[in-house]
Structures are given as structure tokens and as C-alpha cells.
Amino acid sequence: MATKPDAEQRFAAQTVRYTRRAYQASLSRGQKVVEIANGNLVETLPDGSTHVLKKAPAKHKIPAGVKLKVT
């Protein structure tokens, strides 16, 4: 018997779906998209070509449960 996904799982699935739609919509409208691919900040053009802008900054790993103060 399959279990119903909880709200967090549904939200994550919807986020993936809507992000993909926005990415494709931007390219289909002739706009550029900037994304991180293979550790680089990459500009993707509507024709499918890519241009590396720079190396992406390192990720900051924060342990679960840590509260951050944004100033």
C-alpha cells in the first residue's frame, strides 16, 4: 500500500516542477538563464549554447537545527 506524501514532500515536488517550467518558459521567450552546473556559474542561451561566467562559490554547509540571524 502506497503512503500519501506529507506536505513537505508535496512542496518539494511542486518546487521542482515549477522551477523547470520557469526555466523552459524563460528560454522559450528568448531570455538567458543563469544557473550552476558542474561547479560553475553558467549562462544558458535560448539556442542551447552555454557560457561559463565564473567558478561558483563554495557551498556553506550548516548543520540541521542551527538558527541563523540575517542582518
PDB file of N, CA and C in Angstrom:
ATOM      1  N   MET A   1       0.839  -1.177   0.000  1.00  0.00           N
ATOM      2  CA  MET A   1       0.000   0.000   0.000  1.00  0.00           C
ATOM      3  C   MET A   1       0.889   1.247   0.000  1.00  0.00           C
ATOM      4  N   ALA A   2       0.636   2.153  -0.928  1.00  0.00           N
ATOM      5  CA  ALA A   2       1.415   3.385  -1.031  1.00  0.00           C
ATOM      6  C   ALA A   2       0.929   4.387   0.009  1.00  0.00           C
ATOM      7  N   THR A   3       1.880   5.090   0.601  1.00  0.00           N
ATOM      8  CA  THR A   3       1.507   6.105   1.573  1.00  0.00           C
ATOM      9  C   THR A   3       1.418   7.456   0.889  1.00  0.00           C
ATOM     10  N   LYS A   4       0.554   8.279   1.401  1.00  0.00           N
ATOM     11  CA  LYS A   4       0.369   9.623   0.848  1.00  0.00           C
ATOM     12  C   LYS A   4       1.546  10.493   1.301  1.00  0.00           C
ATOM     13  N   PRO A   5       2.175  11.218   0.355  1.00  0.00           N
ATOM     14  CA  PRO A   5       3.307  12.071   0.753  1.00  0.00           C
ATOM     15  C   PRO A   5       2.845  13.189   1.685  1.00  0.00           C
ATOM     16  N   ASP A   6       3.708  13.536   2.618  1.00  0.00           N
ATOM     17  CA  ASP A   6       3.356  14.616   3.534  1.00  0.00           C
ATOM     18  C   ASP A   6       3.530  15.962   2.840  1.00  0.00           C
ATOM     19  N   ALA A   7       3.165  17.020   3.542  1.00  0.00           N
ATOM     20  CA  ALA A   7       3.172  18.363   2.954  1.00  0.00           C
ATOM     21  C   ALA A   7       4.559  18.773   2.469  1.00  0.00           C
ATOM     22  N   GLU A   8       5.586  18.411   3.224  1.00  0.00           N
ATOM     23  CA  GLU A   8       6.945  18.787   2.833  1.00  0.00           C
ATOM     24  C   GLU A   8       7.355  18.100   1.525  1.00  0.00           C
ATOM     25  N   GLN A   9       7.001  16.842   1.367  1.00  0.00           N
ATOM     26  CA  GLN A   9       7.320  16.127   0.126  1.00  0.00           C
ATOM     27  C   GLN A   9       6.541  16.701  -1.056  1.00  0.00           C
ATOM     28  N   ARG A  10       5.276  17.037  -0.833  1.00  0.00           N
ATOM     29  CA  ARG A  10       4.480  17.638  -1.917  1.00  0.00           C
ATOM     30  C   ARG A  10       5.046  18.988  -2.315  1.00  0.00           C
ATOM     31  N   PHE A  11       5.438  19.781  -1.328  1.00  0.00           N
ATOM     32  CA  PHE A  11       6.020  21.091  -1.607  1.00  0.00           C
ATOM     33  C   PHE A  11       7.302  20.945  -2.418  1.00  0.00           C
ATOM     34  N   ALA A  12       8.164  20.007  -2.043  1.00  0.00           N
ATOM     35  CA  ALA A  12       9.419  19.787  -2.768  1.00  0.00           C
ATOM     36  C   ALA A  12       9.151  19.370  -4.212  1.00  0.00           C
ATOM     37  N   ALA A  13       8.186  18.501  -4.423  1.00  0.00           N
ATOM     38  CA  ALA A  13       7.853  18.050  -5.779  1.00  0.00           C
ATOM     39  C   ALA A  13       7.312  19.203  -6.619  1.00  0.00           C
ATOM     40  N   GLN A  14       6.457  20.034  -6.020  1.00  0.00           N
ATOM     41  CA  GLN A  14       5.911  21.184  -6.746  1.00  0.00           C
ATOM     42  C   GLN A  14       7.003  22.194  -7.070  1.00  0.00           C
ATOM     43  N   THR A  15       7.932  22.386  -6.159  1.00  0.00           N
ATOM     44  CA  THR A  15       9.030  23.318  -6.392  1.00  0.00           C
ATOM     45  C   THR A  15       9.857  22.890  -7.594  1.00  0.00           C
ATOM     46  N   VAL A  16      10.174  21.618  -7.683  1.00  0.00           N
ATOM     47  CA  VAL A  16      10.936  21.098  -8.825  1.00  0.00           C
ATOM     48  C   VAL A  16      10.161  21.338 -10.121  1.00  0.00           C
ATOM     49  N   ARG A  17       8.872  21.011 -10.098  1.00  0.00           N
ATOM     50  CA  ARG A  17       8.040  21.149 -11.302  1.00  0.00           C
ATOM     51  C   ARG A  17       7.958  22.612 -11.757  1.00  0.00           C
ATOM     52  N   TYR A  18       7.708  23.539 -10.832  1.00  0.00           N
ATOM     53  CA  TYR A  18       7.569  24.949 -11.192  1.00  0.00           C
ATOM     54  C   TYR A  18       8.897  25.584 -11.596  1.00  0.00           C
ATOM     55  N   THR A  19       9.984  25.143 -11.003  1.00  0.00           N
ATOM     56  CA  THR A  19      11.297  25.649 -11.397  1.00  0.00           C
ATOM     57  C   THR A  19      11.612  25.241 -12.833  1.00  0.00           C
ATOM     58  N   ARG A  20      11.318  23.978 -13.159  1.00  0.00           N
ATOM     59  CA  ARG A  20      11.527  23.512 -14.534  1.00  0.00           C
ATOM     60  C   ARG A  20      10.685  24.310 -15.531  1.00  0.00           C
ATOM     61  N   ARG A  21       9.431  24.555 -15.167  1.00  0.00           N
ATOM     62  CA  ARG A  21       8.546  25.334 -16.057  1.00  0.00           C
ATOM     63  C   ARG A  21       9.086  26.745 -16.275  1.00  0.00           C
ATOM     64  N   ALA A  22       9.532  27.389 -15.216  1.00  0.00           N
ATOM     65  CA  ALA A  22      10.055  28.753 -15.330  1.00  0.00           C
ATOM     66  C   ALA A  22      11.318  28.774 -16.181  1.00  0.00           C
ATOM     67  N   TYR A  23      12.190  27.783 -16.003  1.00  0.00           N
ATOM     68  CA  TYR A  23      13.419  27.667 -16.793  1.00  0.00           C
ATOM     69  C   TYR A  23      13.084  27.552 -18.279  1.00  0.00           C
ATOM     70  N   GLN A  24      12.187  26.626 -18.608  1.00  0.00           N
ATOM     71  CA  GLN A  24      11.801  26.421 -20.011  1.00  0.00           C
ATOM     72  C   GLN A  24      11.072  27.638 -20.582  1.00  0.00           C
ATOM     73  N   ALA A  25      10.217  28.274 -19.783  1.00  0.00           N
ATOM     74  CA  ALA A  25       9.482  29.459 -20.250  1.00  0.00           C
ATOM     75  C   ALA A  25      10.442  30.600 -20.559  1.00  0.00           C
ATOM     76  N   SER A  26      11.454  30.778 -19.718  1.00  0.00           N
ATOM     77  CA  SER A  26      12.436  31.845 -19.960  1.00  0.00           C
ATOM     78  C   SER A  26      13.180  31.617 -21.265  1.00  0.00           C
ATOM     79  N   LEU A  27      13.640  30.397 -21.462  1.00  0.00           N
ATOM     80  CA  LEU A  27      14.373  30.095 -22.697  1.00  0.00           C
ATOM     81  C   LEU A  27      13.470  30.222 -23.924  1.00  0.00           C
ATOM     82  N   SER A  28      12.218  29.781 -23.817  1.00  0.00           N
ATOM     83  CA  SER A  28      11.316  29.859 -24.973  1.00  0.00           C
ATOM     84  C   SER A  28      10.951  31.298 -25.329  1.00  0.00           C
ATOM     85  N   ARG A  29      11.083  32.224 -24.356  1.00  0.00           N
ATOM     86  CA  ARG A  29      10.817  33.634 -24.614  1.00  0.00           C
ATOM     87  C   ARG A  29      12.055  34.382 -25.094  1.00  0.00           C
ATOM     88  N   GLY A  30      13.144  33.654 -25.301  1.00  0.00           N
ATOM     89  CA  GLY A  30      14.358  34.275 -25.803  1.00  0.00           C
ATOM     90  C   GLY A  30      15.239  34.880 -24.733  1.00  0.00           C
ATOM     91  N   GLN A  31      14.992  34.530 -23.470  1.00  0.00           N
ATOM     92  CA  GLN A  31      15.785  35.084 -22.383  1.00  0.00           C
ATOM     93  C   GLN A  31      16.908  34.118 -22.004  1.00  0.00           C
ATOM     94  N   LYS A  32      17.941  34.665 -21.393  1.00  0.00           N
ATOM     95  CA  LYS A  32      19.053  33.862 -20.901  1.00  0.00           C
ATOM     96  C   LYS A  32      18.709  33.355 -19.507  1.00  0.00           C
ATOM     97  N   VAL A  33      19.334  32.238 -19.126  1.00  0.00           N
ATOM     98  CA  VAL A  33      19.151  31.677 -17.796  1.00  0.00           C
ATOM     99  C   VAL A  33      20.532  31.479 -17.183  1.00  0.00           C
ATOM    100  N   VAL A  34      20.707  31.908 -15.940  1.00  0.00           N
ATOM    101  CA  VAL A  34      21.971  31.704 -15.235  1.00  0.00           C
ATOM    102  C   VAL A  34      21.742  30.613 -14.200  1.00  0.00           C
ATOM    103  N   GLU A  35      22.631  29.634 -14.192  1.00  0.00           N
ATOM    104  CA  GLU A  35      22.493  28.500 -13.291  1.00  0.00           C
ATOM    105  C   GLU A  35      23.865  27.989 -12.881  1.00  0.00           C
ATOM    106  N   ILE A  36      23.888  27.116 -11.903  1.00  0.00           N
ATOM    107  CA  ILE A  36      25.139  26.471 -11.510  1.00  0.00           C
ATOM    108  C   ILE A  36      25.155  25.086 -12.117  1.00  0.00           C
ATOM    109  N   ALA A  37      26.217  24.792 -12.857  1.00  0.00           N
ATOM    110  CA  ALA A  37      26.388  23.479 -13.478  1.00  0.00           C
ATOM    111  C   ALA A  37      27.856  23.072 -13.365  1.00  0.00           C
ATOM    112  N   ASN A  38      28.090  21.893 -12.844  1.00  0.00           N
ATOM    113  CA  ASN A  38      29.454  21.362 -12.699  1.00  0.00           C
ATOM    114  C   ASN A  38      30.367  22.307 -11.924  1.00  0.00           C
ATOM    115  N   GLY A  39      29.834  22.958 -10.906  1.00  0.00           N
ATOM    116  CA  GLY A  39      30.640  23.842 -10.071  1.00  0.00           C
ATOM    117  C   GLY A  39      30.937  25.200 -10.673  1.00  0.00           C
ATOM    118  N   ASN A  40      30.290  25.527 -11.782  1.00  0.00           N
ATOM    119  CA  ASN A  40      30.496  26.813 -12.443  1.00  0.00           C
ATOM    120  C   ASN A  40      29.179  27.571 -12.552  1.00  0.00           C
ATOM    121  N   LEU A  41      29.259  28.896 -12.544  1.00  0.00           N
ATOM    122  CA  LEU A  41      28.117  29.745 -12.818  1.00  0.00           C
ATOM    123  C   LEU A  41      28.035  29.848 -14.338  1.00  0.00           C
ATOM    124  N   VAL A  42      26.947  29.338 -14.907  1.00  0.00           N
ATOM    125  CA  VAL A  42      26.834  29.194 -16.359  1.00  0.00           C
ATOM    126  C   VAL A  42      25.629  29.965 -16.881  1.00  0.00           C
ATOM    127  N   GLU A  43      25.834  30.649 -17.993  1.00  0.00           N
ATOM    128  CA  GLU A  43      24.746  31.342 -18.683  1.00  0.00           C
ATOM    129  C   GLU A  43      24.296  30.445 -19.833  1.00  0.00           C
ATOM    130  N   THR A  44      23.008  30.093 -19.844  1.00  0.00           N
ATOM    131  CA  THR A  44      22.456  29.264 -20.911  1.00  0.00           C
ATOM    132  C   THR A  44      21.618  30.150 -21.822  1.00  0.00           C
ATOM    133  N   LEU A  45      21.880  30.075 -23.100  1.00  0.00           N
ATOM    134  CA  LEU A  45      21.169  30.893 -24.087  1.00  0.00           C
ATOM    135  C   LEU A  45      20.004  30.096 -24.679  1.00  0.00           C
ATOM    136  N   PRO A  46      19.024  30.779 -25.265  1.00  0.00           N
ATOM    137  CA  PRO A  46      17.860  30.092 -25.831  1.00  0.00           C
ATOM    138  C   PRO A  46      18.199  29.056 -26.908  1.00  0.00           C
ATOM    139  N   ASP A  47      19.324  29.237 -27.590  1.00  0.00           N
ATOM    140  CA  ASP A  47      19.696  28.266 -28.634  1.00  0.00           C
ATOM    141  C   ASP A  47      20.351  27.009 -28.049  1.00  0.00           C
ATOM    142  N   GLY A  48      20.496  26.960 -26.706  1.00  0.00           N
ATOM    143  CA  GLY A  48      21.072  25.796 -26.043  1.00  0.00           C
ATOM    144  C   GLY A  48      22.551  25.913 -25.747  1.00  0.00           C
ATOM    145  N   SER A  49      23.201  26.928 -26.282  1.00  0.00           N
ATOM    146  CA  SER A  49      24.623  27.096 -26.014  1.00  0.00           C
ATOM    147  C   SER A  49      24.824  27.640 -24.600  1.00  0.00           C
ATOM    148  N   THR A  50      25.995  27.358 -24.046  1.00  0.00           N
ATOM    149  CA  THR A  50      26.289  27.806 -22.688  1.00  0.00           C
ATOM    150  C   THR A  50      27.597  28.580 -22.668  1.00  0.00           C
ATOM    151  N   HIS A  51      27.724  29.449 -21.673  1.00  0.00           N
ATOM    152  CA  HIS A  51      28.926  30.253 -21.496  1.00  0.00           C
ATOM    153  C   HIS A  51      29.236  30.272 -20.007  1.00  0.00           C
ATOM    154  N   VAL A  52      30.437  29.811 -19.629  1.00  0.00           N
ATOM    155  CA  VAL A  52      30.831  29.814 -18.222  1.00  0.00           C
ATOM    156  C   VAL A  52      31.169  31.241 -17.815  1.00  0.00           C
ATOM    157  N   LEU A  53      30.476  31.740 -16.785  1.00  0.00           N
ATOM    158  CA  LEU A  53      30.721  33.089 -16.304  1.00  0.00           C
ATOM    159  C   LEU A  53      31.869  33.117 -15.297  1.00  0.00           C
ATOM    160  N   LYS A  54      31.831  32.190 -14.336  1.00  0.00           N
ATOM    161  CA  LYS A  54      32.912  32.072 -13.352  1.00  0.00           C
ATOM    162  C   LYS A  54      32.699  30.809 -12.531  1.00  0.00           C
ATOM    163  N   LYS A  55      33.688  30.474 -11.743  1.00  0.00           N
ATOM    164  CA  LYS A  55      33.570  29.332 -10.848  1.00  0.00           C
ATOM    165  C   LYS A  55      32.579  29.705  -9.753  1.00  0.00           C
ATOM    166  N   ALA A  56      31.683  28.789  -9.442  1.00  0.00           N
ATOM    167  CA  ALA A  56      30.671  29.052  -8.418  1.00  0.00           C
ATOM    168  C   ALA A  56      31.315  29.079  -7.041  1.00  0.00           C
ATOM    169  N   PRO A  57      30.829  29.947  -6.174  1.00  0.00           N
ATOM    170  CA  PRO A  57      31.377  29.986  -4.817  1.00  0.00           C
ATOM    171  C   PRO A  57      31.068  28.680  -4.073  1.00  0.00           C
ATOM    172  N   ALA A  58      31.893  28.372  -3.099  1.00  0.00           N
ATOM    173  CA  ALA A  58      31.698  27.151  -2.320  1.00  0.00           C
ATOM    174  C   ALA A  58      30.396  27.218  -1.530  1.00  0.00           C
ATOM    175  N   LYS A  59      29.776  26.061  -1.357  1.00  0.00           N
ATOM    176  CA  LYS A  59      28.554  25.988  -0.563  1.00  0.00           C
ATOM    177  C   LYS A  59      28.904  26.043   0.911  1.00  0.00           C
ATOM    178  N   HIS A  60      28.003  26.611   1.673  1.00  0.00           N
ATOM    179  CA  HIS A  60      28.168  26.646   3.124  1.00  0.00           C
ATOM    180  C   HIS A  60      27.263  25.570   3.708  1.00  0.00           C
ATOM    181  N   LYS A  61      27.830  24.596   4.377  1.00  0.00           N
ATOM    182  CA  LYS A  61      27.032  23.542   4.982  1.00  0.00           C
ATOM    183  C   LYS A  61      26.751  23.917   6.429  1.00  0.00           C
ATOM    184  N   ILE A  62      25.480  23.942   6.754  1.00  0.00           N
ATOM    185  CA  ILE A  62      25.027  24.285   8.095  1.00  0.00           C
ATOM    186  C   ILE A  62      24.340  23.059   8.681  1.00  0.00           C
ATOM    187  N   PRO A  63      24.693  22.674   9.885  1.00  0.00           N
ATOM    188  CA  PRO A  63      24.023  21.525  10.497  1.00  0.00           C
ATOM    189  C   PRO A  63      22.533  21.810  10.711  1.00  0.00           C
ATOM    190  N   ALA A  64      21.720  20.776  10.637  1.00  0.00           N
ATOM    191  CA  ALA A  64      20.283  20.914  10.850  1.00  0.00           C
ATOM    192  C   ALA A  64      20.006  21.440  12.251  1.00  0.00           C
ATOM    193  N   GLY A  65      19.038  22.328  12.362  1.00  0.00           N
ATOM    194  CA  GLY A  65      18.630  22.848  13.651  1.00  0.00           C
ATOM    195  C   GLY A  65      19.328  24.123  14.077  1.00  0.00           C
ATOM    196  N   VAL A  66      20.346  24.537  13.324  1.00  0.00           N
ATOM    197  CA  VAL A  66      21.063  25.767  13.669  1.00  0.00           C
ATOM    198  C   VAL A  66      20.245  26.963  13.209  1.00  0.00           C
ATOM    199  N   LYS A  67      20.068  27.949  14.084  1.00  0.00           N
ATOM    200  CA  LYS A  67      19.319  29.150  13.730  1.00  0.00           C
ATOM    201  C   LYS A  67      20.296  30.209  13.226  1.00  0.00           C
ATOM    202  N   LEU A  68      19.969  30.794  12.089  1.00  0.00           N
ATOM    203  CA  LEU A  68      20.816  31.836  11.510  1.00  0.00           C
ATOM    204  C   LEU A  68      20.144  33.184  11.700  1.00  0.00           C
ATOM    205  N   LYS A  69      20.939  34.197  11.931  1.00  0.00           N
ATOM    206  CA  LYS A  69      20.435  35.558  12.036  1.00  0.00           C
ATOM    207  C   LYS A  69      20.862  36.310  10.774  1.00  0.00           C
ATOM    208  N   VAL A  70      19.873  36.791  10.036  1.00  0.00           N
ATOM    209  CA  VAL A  70      20.141  37.535   8.809  1.00  0.00           C
ATOM    210  C   VAL A  70      20.089  39.007   9.133  1.00  0.00           C
ATOM    211  N   THR A  71      21.170  39.703   8.799  1.00  0.00           N
ATOM    212  CA  THR A  71      21.212  41.140   9.098  1.00  0.00           C
ATOM    213  C   THR A  71      21.273  41.948   7.828  1.00  0.00           C
TER     214      THR A  71
END
